[in-house]
Protein backbone atom coordinates (compact mmCIF):
# COMPACT_ATOMS: atom_id res chain seq x y z
CA UNK A 1 0.00 0.00 0.00
CA UNK A 2 1.11 3.52 -0.70
CA UNK A 3 1.40 5.88 2.19
CA UNK A 4 -0.85 8.98 2.15
CA UNK A 5 0.64 11.72 0.06
CA UNK A 6 2.69 9.40 -2.16
CA UNK A 7 2.33 9.71 -5.92
CA UNK A 8 3.56 7.35 -8.62
CA UNK A 9 3.55 8.25 -12.32
CA UNK A 10 4.66 6.11 -15.22
CA UNK A 11 3.76 6.76 -18.91
CA UNK A 12 0.29 8.12 -18.44
CA UNK A 13 -0.63 6.28 -15.22
CA UNK A 14 -1.11 8.62 -12.26
CA UNK A 15 -1.87 7.51 -8.73
CA UNK A 16 -3.12 10.44 -6.69
CA UNK A 17 -2.79 10.80 -2.93
CA UNK A 18 -4.86 8.62 -0.65
CA UNK A 19 -8.55 9.44 -0.67
CA UNK A 20 -8.48 10.96 -4.18
CA UNK A 21 -9.67 9.19 -7.33
CA UNK A 22 -7.21 7.51 -9.68
CA UNK A 23 -6.98 9.03 -13.18
CA UNK A 24 -5.56 7.30 -16.24
CA UNK A 25 -4.49 9.22 -19.32
CA UNK A 26 -2.44 8.66 -22.48
CA UNK A 27 0.19 11.13 -23.53
CA UNK A 28 -0.92 11.13 -27.16
CA UNK A 29 -4.37 12.43 -26.19
CA UNK A 30 -3.03 15.83 -25.21
CA UNK A 31 -1.29 18.38 -27.37
CA UNK A 32 -0.14 21.96 -27.38
CA UNK A 33 -3.15 24.21 -27.99
CA UNK A 34 -1.00 26.60 -30.02
CA UNK A 35 -0.16 23.84 -32.47
CA UNK A 36 -3.42 22.07 -33.14
CA UNK A 37 -6.25 23.59 -31.18
CA UNK A 38 -6.34 21.01 -28.39
CA UNK A 39 -5.96 22.46 -24.87
CA UNK A 40 -2.86 21.69 -22.82
CA UNK A 41 -3.04 19.43 -19.81
CA UNK A 42 -3.51 21.07 -16.49
CA UNK A 43 -0.20 20.33 -14.85
CA UNK A 44 -1.53 21.42 -11.46
CA UNK A 45 -4.36 18.91 -11.07
CA UNK A 46 -5.73 15.56 -12.18
CA UNK A 47 -6.20 14.96 -15.90
CA UNK A 48 -9.16 13.58 -17.82
CA UNK A 49 -9.38 10.76 -20.35
CA UNK A 50 -11.69 12.52 -22.81
CA UNK A 51 -10.32 12.33 -26.35
CA UNK A 52 -11.04 15.26 -28.70
CA UNK A 53 -13.77 14.65 -31.30
CA UNK A 54 -11.48 15.95 -34.03
CA UNK A 55 -8.45 18.19 -34.54
CA UNK A 56 -8.83 21.88 -35.39
CA UNK A 57 -5.18 22.87 -35.64
CA UNK A 58 -2.83 22.68 -38.64
CA UNK A 59 -2.10 19.30 -40.20
CA UNK A 60 1.22 17.55 -40.01
CA UNK A 61 3.63 18.34 -42.85
CA UNK A 62 5.50 15.04 -42.55
CA UNK A 63 4.96 13.40 -45.96
CA UNK A 64 6.85 10.46 -47.39
CA UNK A 65 8.92 11.02 -50.52
CA UNK A 66 7.36 10.22 -53.90
CA UNK A 67 8.92 9.83 -57.36
CA UNK A 68 8.37 12.82 -59.71
CA UNK A 69 7.87 12.49 -63.48
CA UNK A 70 9.43 15.07 -65.79
CA UNK A 71 6.76 17.00 -67.71
CA UNK A 72 3.91 15.45 -65.72
CA UNK A 73 2.25 17.22 -62.77
CA UNK A 74 1.78 14.00 -60.81
CA UNK A 75 4.25 11.59 -59.28
CA UNK A 76 4.65 7.95 -60.31
CA UNK A 77 2.83 6.81 -57.18
CA UNK A 78 -0.07 9.23 -57.72
CA UNK A 79 -0.45 8.11 -61.35
CA UNK A 80 -0.56 4.43 -60.42
CA UNK A 81 -3.00 5.18 -57.61
CA UNK A 82 -5.20 6.98 -60.16
CA UNK A 83 -5.29 3.84 -62.32
CA UNK A 84 -6.32 1.90 -59.23
CA UNK A 85 -9.27 4.25 -58.67
CA UNK A 86 -10.29 3.96 -62.34
CA UNK A 87 -10.14 0.17 -62.05
CA UNK A 88 -12.48 0.14 -59.06
CA UNK A 89 -14.86 2.67 -60.63
CA UNK A 90 -15.03 0.65 -63.86
CA UNK A 91 -16.26 -2.51 -62.13
CA UNK A 92 -19.95 -1.68 -62.83
CA UNK A 93 -19.04 -1.04 -66.49
CA UNK A 94 -17.47 -4.49 -66.72
CA UNK A 95 -20.65 -5.93 -65.28
CA UNK A 96 -22.71 -4.16 -67.94
CA UNK A 97 -20.36 -5.20 -70.76
CA UNK A 98 -20.05 -8.90 -69.94
CA UNK A 99 -23.46 -9.68 -68.44
CA UNK A 100 -25.33 -12.33 -70.43
CA UNK A 101 -28.65 -10.81 -69.46
CA UNK A 102 -29.84 -7.22 -69.17
CA UNK A 103 -29.07 -5.33 -65.99
CA UNK A 104 -31.91 -4.82 -63.53
CA UNK A 105 -32.77 -1.68 -61.59
CA UNK A 106 -31.03 -3.21 -58.58
CA UNK A 107 -27.83 -3.48 -60.65
CA UNK A 108 -28.10 0.15 -61.72
CA UNK A 109 -28.74 1.40 -58.18
CA UNK A 110 -25.90 -0.70 -56.80
CA UNK A 111 -23.48 0.59 -59.44
CA UNK A 112 -24.38 4.25 -58.92
CA UNK A 113 -24.10 3.84 -55.15
CA UNK A 114 -20.70 2.20 -55.51
CA UNK A 115 -19.26 4.99 -57.68
CA UNK A 116 -20.68 7.67 -55.36
CA UNK A 117 -19.27 5.86 -52.34
CA UNK A 118 -15.80 5.56 -53.92
CA UNK A 119 -15.68 9.27 -54.75
CA UNK A 120 -16.82 10.33 -51.28
CA UNK A 121 -14.35 8.01 -49.56
CA UNK A 122 -11.39 9.32 -51.56
CA UNK A 123 -12.41 12.94 -50.91
CA UNK A 124 -12.80 12.43 -47.17
CA UNK A 125 -9.58 10.42 -46.92
CA UNK A 126 -7.57 13.10 -48.72
CA UNK A 127 -9.22 16.32 -47.46
CA UNK A 128 -11.28 15.89 -44.29
CA UNK A 129 -10.41 13.04 -41.95
CA UNK A 130 -7.19 12.99 -39.92
CA UNK A 131 -5.11 9.84 -39.75
CA UNK A 132 -2.20 8.64 -37.65
CA UNK A 133 0.49 6.22 -38.72
CA UNK A 134 3.90 4.83 -37.96
CA UNK A 135 4.95 6.20 -41.39
CA UNK A 136 4.75 9.85 -40.30
CA UNK A 137 4.53 12.02 -37.21
CA UNK A 138 1.42 13.99 -36.26
CA UNK A 139 -2.04 13.86 -37.76
CA UNK A 140 -3.12 14.69 -41.30
CA UNK A 141 -5.30 13.58 -44.23
CA UNK A 142 -3.94 10.93 -46.56
CA UNK A 143 -2.31 11.29 -49.94
CA UNK A 144 -3.87 9.44 -52.89
CA UNK A 145 -1.33 6.55 -52.72
CA UNK A 146 -1.96 6.20 -49.00
CA UNK A 147 -5.73 6.29 -49.60
CA UNK A 148 -5.74 3.43 -52.13
CA UNK A 149 -3.38 1.48 -49.87
CA UNK A 150 -5.81 1.82 -46.96
CA UNK A 151 -8.78 1.13 -49.25
CA UNK A 152 -7.27 -2.18 -50.36
CA UNK A 153 -6.76 -3.15 -46.74
CA UNK A 154 -10.46 -2.49 -46.14
CA UNK A 155 -11.75 -4.30 -49.24
CA UNK A 156 -9.56 -7.37 -48.68
CA UNK A 157 -9.96 -7.27 -44.86
CA UNK A 158 -6.16 -7.47 -44.51
CA UNK A 159 -6.10 -4.61 -42.00
CA UNK A 160 -2.42 -4.09 -41.19
CA UNK A 161 -3.31 -1.31 -38.77
CA UNK A 162 -0.38 0.86 -39.86
CA UNK A 163 -2.74 3.69 -40.94
CA UNK A 164 -5.76 4.38 -38.74
CA UNK A 165 -8.20 7.27 -38.09
CA UNK A 166 -6.82 9.46 -35.33
CA UNK A 167 -10.03 10.80 -33.80
CA UNK A 168 -13.51 9.49 -32.94
CA UNK A 169 -15.25 11.23 -35.85
CA UNK A 170 -13.06 9.46 -38.39
CA UNK A 171 -13.05 6.18 -36.49
CA UNK A 172 -16.85 5.95 -36.43
CA UNK A 173 -17.17 7.02 -40.09
CA UNK A 174 -14.53 4.54 -41.28
CA UNK A 175 -16.13 1.76 -39.22
CA UNK A 176 -19.51 2.18 -40.92
CA UNK A 177 -17.90 2.45 -44.34
CA UNK A 178 -16.03 -0.82 -43.89
CA UNK A 179 -19.38 -2.62 -43.73
CA UNK A 180 -20.77 -0.63 -46.68
CA UNK A 181 -17.71 -1.23 -48.86
CA UNK A 182 -17.69 -4.97 -48.22
CA UNK A 183 -21.38 -5.21 -49.11
CA UNK A 184 -21.12 -3.13 -52.30
CA UNK A 185 -17.88 -4.43 -53.72
CA UNK A 186 -18.42 -7.94 -52.44
CA UNK A 187 -21.67 -8.18 -54.36
CA UNK A 188 -20.51 -6.61 -57.63
CA UNK A 189 -17.02 -8.10 -57.76
CA UNK A 190 -18.31 -11.61 -57.09
CA UNK A 191 -20.84 -11.18 -59.89
CA UNK A 192 -18.24 -9.86 -62.36
CA UNK A 193 -15.78 -12.62 -61.48
CA UNK A 194 -18.51 -15.24 -61.90
CA UNK A 195 -19.45 -13.89 -65.34
CA UNK A 196 -15.84 -13.77 -66.54
CA UNK A 197 -15.09 -17.24 -65.19
CA UNK A 198 -18.16 -18.71 -66.92
CA UNK A 199 -17.17 -17.11 -70.23
CA UNK A 200 -13.60 -18.39 -69.98
CA UNK A 201 -14.81 -21.90 -69.17
CA UNK A 202 -17.17 -21.86 -72.14
CA UNK A 203 -14.38 -20.67 -74.43
CA UNK A 204 -11.93 -23.32 -73.29
CA UNK A 205 -14.36 -26.22 -72.99
CA UNK A 206 -14.40 -28.67 -75.94
CA UNK A 207 -17.51 -28.76 -78.07
CA UNK A 208 -20.01 -31.33 -76.86
CA UNK A 209 -22.50 -33.20 -78.99
CA UNK A 210 -26.07 -32.45 -78.05
CA UNK A 211 -27.43 -35.64 -79.66
CA UNK A 212 -26.22 -38.99 -78.29
CA UNK A 213 -25.30 -41.46 -80.99
CA UNK A 214 -27.02 -44.91 -80.97
CA UNK A 215 -25.14 -47.48 -78.96
CA UNK A 216 -23.41 -44.91 -76.74
CA UNK A 217 -23.55 -45.88 -73.02
CA UNK A 218 -25.79 -43.78 -70.79
CA UNK A 219 -22.94 -43.16 -68.36
CA UNK A 220 -19.18 -43.01 -68.70
CA UNK A 221 -18.30 -45.20 -65.72
CA UNK A 222 -14.55 -44.68 -66.05
CA UNK A 223 -14.95 -40.89 -65.96
CA UNK A 224 -16.99 -41.17 -62.75
CA UNK A 225 -13.95 -42.59 -60.95
CA UNK A 226 -11.43 -39.98 -62.15
CA UNK A 227 -11.08 -36.61 -60.43
CA UNK A 228 -9.66 -33.82 -62.57
CA UNK A 229 -6.65 -32.22 -60.87
CA UNK A 230 -5.97 -29.61 -63.57
CA UNK A 231 -8.14 -26.83 -62.02
CA UNK A 232 -6.40 -27.28 -58.65
CA UNK A 233 -2.95 -27.18 -60.26
CA UNK A 234 -3.80 -24.03 -62.23
CA UNK A 235 -5.17 -22.18 -59.21
CA UNK A 236 -2.19 -23.25 -57.09
CA UNK A 237 0.30 -22.07 -59.72
CA UNK A 238 -1.53 -18.74 -60.05
CA UNK A 239 -1.40 -18.13 -56.31
CA UNK A 240 2.27 -19.15 -56.09
CA UNK A 241 3.09 -16.78 -58.97
CA UNK A 242 1.34 -13.83 -57.31
CA UNK A 243 2.93 -14.61 -53.93
CA UNK A 244 6.36 -14.92 -55.56
CA UNK A 245 5.96 -11.52 -57.20
CA UNK A 246 5.22 -10.09 -53.76
CA UNK A 247 8.24 -11.79 -52.18
CA UNK A 248 10.57 -10.44 -54.88
CA UNK A 249 9.13 -6.93 -54.60
CA UNK A 250 9.34 -6.70 -50.81
CA UNK A 251 12.90 -8.03 -50.88
CA UNK A 252 14.37 -5.98 -53.73
CA UNK A 253 12.39 -2.71 -53.91
CA UNK A 254 14.46 0.22 -52.60
CA UNK A 255 13.24 1.30 -49.20
CA UNK A 256 11.45 -1.98 -48.48
CA UNK A 257 14.38 -4.43 -48.69
CA UNK A 258 13.01 -6.98 -46.26
CA UNK A 259 14.90 -10.21 -45.74
CA UNK A 260 13.83 -13.27 -47.72
CA UNK A 261 12.11 -14.82 -44.72
CA UNK A 262 10.40 -11.54 -43.81
CA UNK A 263 9.18 -11.13 -47.40
CA UNK A 264 7.79 -14.68 -47.46
CA UNK A 265 6.13 -14.19 -44.09
CA UNK A 266 4.61 -10.86 -45.12
CA UNK A 267 3.29 -12.31 -48.39
CA UNK A 268 1.58 -15.26 -46.73
CA UNK A 269 0.12 -13.23 -43.86
CA UNK A 270 -1.13 -10.55 -46.24
CA UNK A 271 -2.67 -12.76 -48.93
CA UNK A 272 -4.35 -14.91 -46.29
CA UNK A 273 -5.94 -11.64 -44.96
CA UNK A 274 -4.54 -12.32 -41.49
CA UNK A 275 -2.56 -9.07 -41.68
CA UNK A 276 -0.75 -9.05 -38.33
CA UNK A 277 0.87 -5.76 -39.34
CA UNK A 278 4.35 -6.47 -37.99
CA UNK A 279 5.64 -6.04 -41.55
CA UNK A 280 3.96 -3.68 -44.00
CA UNK A 281 4.75 -1.28 -46.84
CA UNK A 282 7.09 1.51 -45.75
CA UNK A 283 7.48 3.44 -49.02
CA UNK A 284 4.94 5.16 -51.25
CA UNK A 285 5.88 2.82 -54.09
CA UNK A 286 5.29 -0.12 -51.78
CA UNK A 287 1.86 1.22 -50.85
CA UNK A 288 0.58 1.52 -54.43
CA UNK A 289 2.06 -1.86 -55.33
CA UNK A 290 0.44 -3.35 -52.24
CA UNK A 291 -2.95 -1.90 -53.19
CA UNK A 292 -3.03 -3.88 -56.46
CA UNK A 293 -1.19 -6.89 -55.07
CA UNK A 294 -3.59 -7.34 -52.16
CA UNK A 295 -6.69 -7.24 -54.36
CA UNK A 296 -5.29 -9.70 -56.90
CA UNK A 297 -3.48 -11.94 -54.43
CA UNK A 298 -6.37 -12.36 -52.02
CA UNK A 299 -8.57 -13.33 -54.97
CA UNK A 300 -6.10 -15.95 -56.20
CA UNK A 301 -5.82 -17.49 -52.74
CA UNK A 302 -9.61 -17.58 -52.47
CA UNK A 303 -9.80 -19.35 -55.83
CA UNK A 304 -7.12 -21.84 -54.76
CA UNK A 305 -8.87 -22.64 -51.47
CA UNK A 306 -12.29 -23.08 -53.11
CA UNK A 307 -10.79 -25.28 -55.84
CA UNK A 308 -8.96 -27.36 -53.24
CA UNK A 309 -12.17 -27.90 -51.26
CA UNK A 310 -14.08 -28.87 -54.41
CA UNK A 311 -11.33 -31.26 -55.53
CA UNK A 312 -11.22 -32.98 -52.14
CA UNK A 313 -15.02 -33.31 -52.19
CA UNK A 314 -14.90 -34.93 -55.62
CA UNK A 315 -12.04 -37.22 -54.55
CA UNK A 316 -13.99 -38.48 -51.53
CA UNK A 317 -17.04 -38.99 -53.73
CA UNK A 318 -15.01 -40.97 -56.25
CA UNK A 319 -13.49 -43.15 -53.51
CA UNK A 320 -16.96 -44.06 -52.28
CA UNK A 321 -17.90 -45.12 -55.81
CA UNK A 322 -14.75 -47.23 -56.10
CA UNK A 323 -15.64 -49.15 -52.95
CA UNK A 324 -19.29 -49.76 -53.94
CA UNK A 325 -20.79 -51.50 -56.95
CA UNK A 326 -22.46 -48.40 -58.36
CA UNK A 327 -22.52 -49.79 -61.87
CA UNK A 328 -24.15 -53.04 -60.74
CA UNK A 329 -26.79 -51.11 -58.81
CA UNK A 330 -27.47 -48.96 -61.87
CA UNK A 331 -27.93 -52.01 -64.10
CA UNK A 332 -30.19 -53.68 -61.52
CA UNK A 333 -32.56 -50.70 -61.36
CA UNK A 334 -32.50 -50.39 -65.15
CA UNK A 335 -33.46 -54.06 -65.62
CA UNK A 336 -36.25 -53.79 -63.03
CA UNK A 337 -37.83 -50.92 -64.93
CA UNK A 338 -37.14 -51.61 -68.60
CA UNK A 339 -36.30 -55.31 -68.58
CA UNK A 340 -34.47 -56.24 -71.78
CA UNK A 341 -35.88 -53.33 -73.78
CA UNK A 342 -33.48 -50.80 -75.28
CA UNK A 343 -35.87 -47.92 -74.78
CA UNK A 344 -38.01 -46.46 -71.97
CA UNK A 345 -41.15 -44.41 -72.10
CA UNK A 346 -41.67 -41.34 -69.92
CA UNK A 347 -43.34 -43.25 -67.10
CA UNK A 348 -40.60 -45.86 -66.98
CA UNK A 349 -37.92 -43.20 -66.97
CA UNK A 350 -39.65 -41.46 -64.04
CA UNK A 351 -39.74 -44.77 -62.12
CA UNK A 352 -36.10 -45.36 -62.99
CA UNK A 353 -35.09 -41.94 -61.64
CA UNK A 354 -37.05 -42.43 -58.39
CA UNK A 355 -35.51 -45.86 -57.78
CA UNK A 356 -31.98 -44.80 -58.69
CA UNK A 357 -32.04 -41.76 -56.39
CA UNK A 358 -33.72 -43.86 -53.66
CA UNK A 359 -36.63 -41.44 -53.50
CA UNK A 360 -38.99 -44.44 -53.67
CA UNK A 361 -38.91 -48.23 -53.33
CA UNK A 362 -39.99 -50.72 -55.98
CA UNK A 363 -42.88 -51.85 -53.77
CA UNK A 364 -44.11 -48.25 -53.50
CA UNK A 365 -44.28 -47.94 -57.26
CA UNK A 366 -46.14 -51.23 -57.62
CA UNK A 367 -48.72 -50.15 -55.05
Foldseek 3Di string as FASTA:
>chain_A
DDAFPDWDDDQQWIDGGPPDDTAGEHPVQADPCVAWNGHHADPVDDGHHDHDQATRGDFDPWDFDFAPDPPDPDGPLLVLLVVVLVVQLCLLVLCCVLPPDHDDPVSVVLSVVSNVLSVVQQCCQAPNFWKDFPLGDGIDHDDSLLSLLVVLCLQLLLCLVRIDGDHNVRNVVVVVVSVVNNVSCVVSVVSSVVSVVVVVCVVPDDDDDPDDDPPDDPDDVVVLLDFDCVQLVVLVVVLVVLLVVQLVCQCPPPPRNDDSVVSSVVSVSLLCSVNNNPHADNHSVRSSVSSVSSVVNVVSVVSNVVVVVVRVVSNVSSVVCVVDVLVVQLVVLVCVQPNPDPDDDPVSVVSSVCVSVVVDDPVVVVD
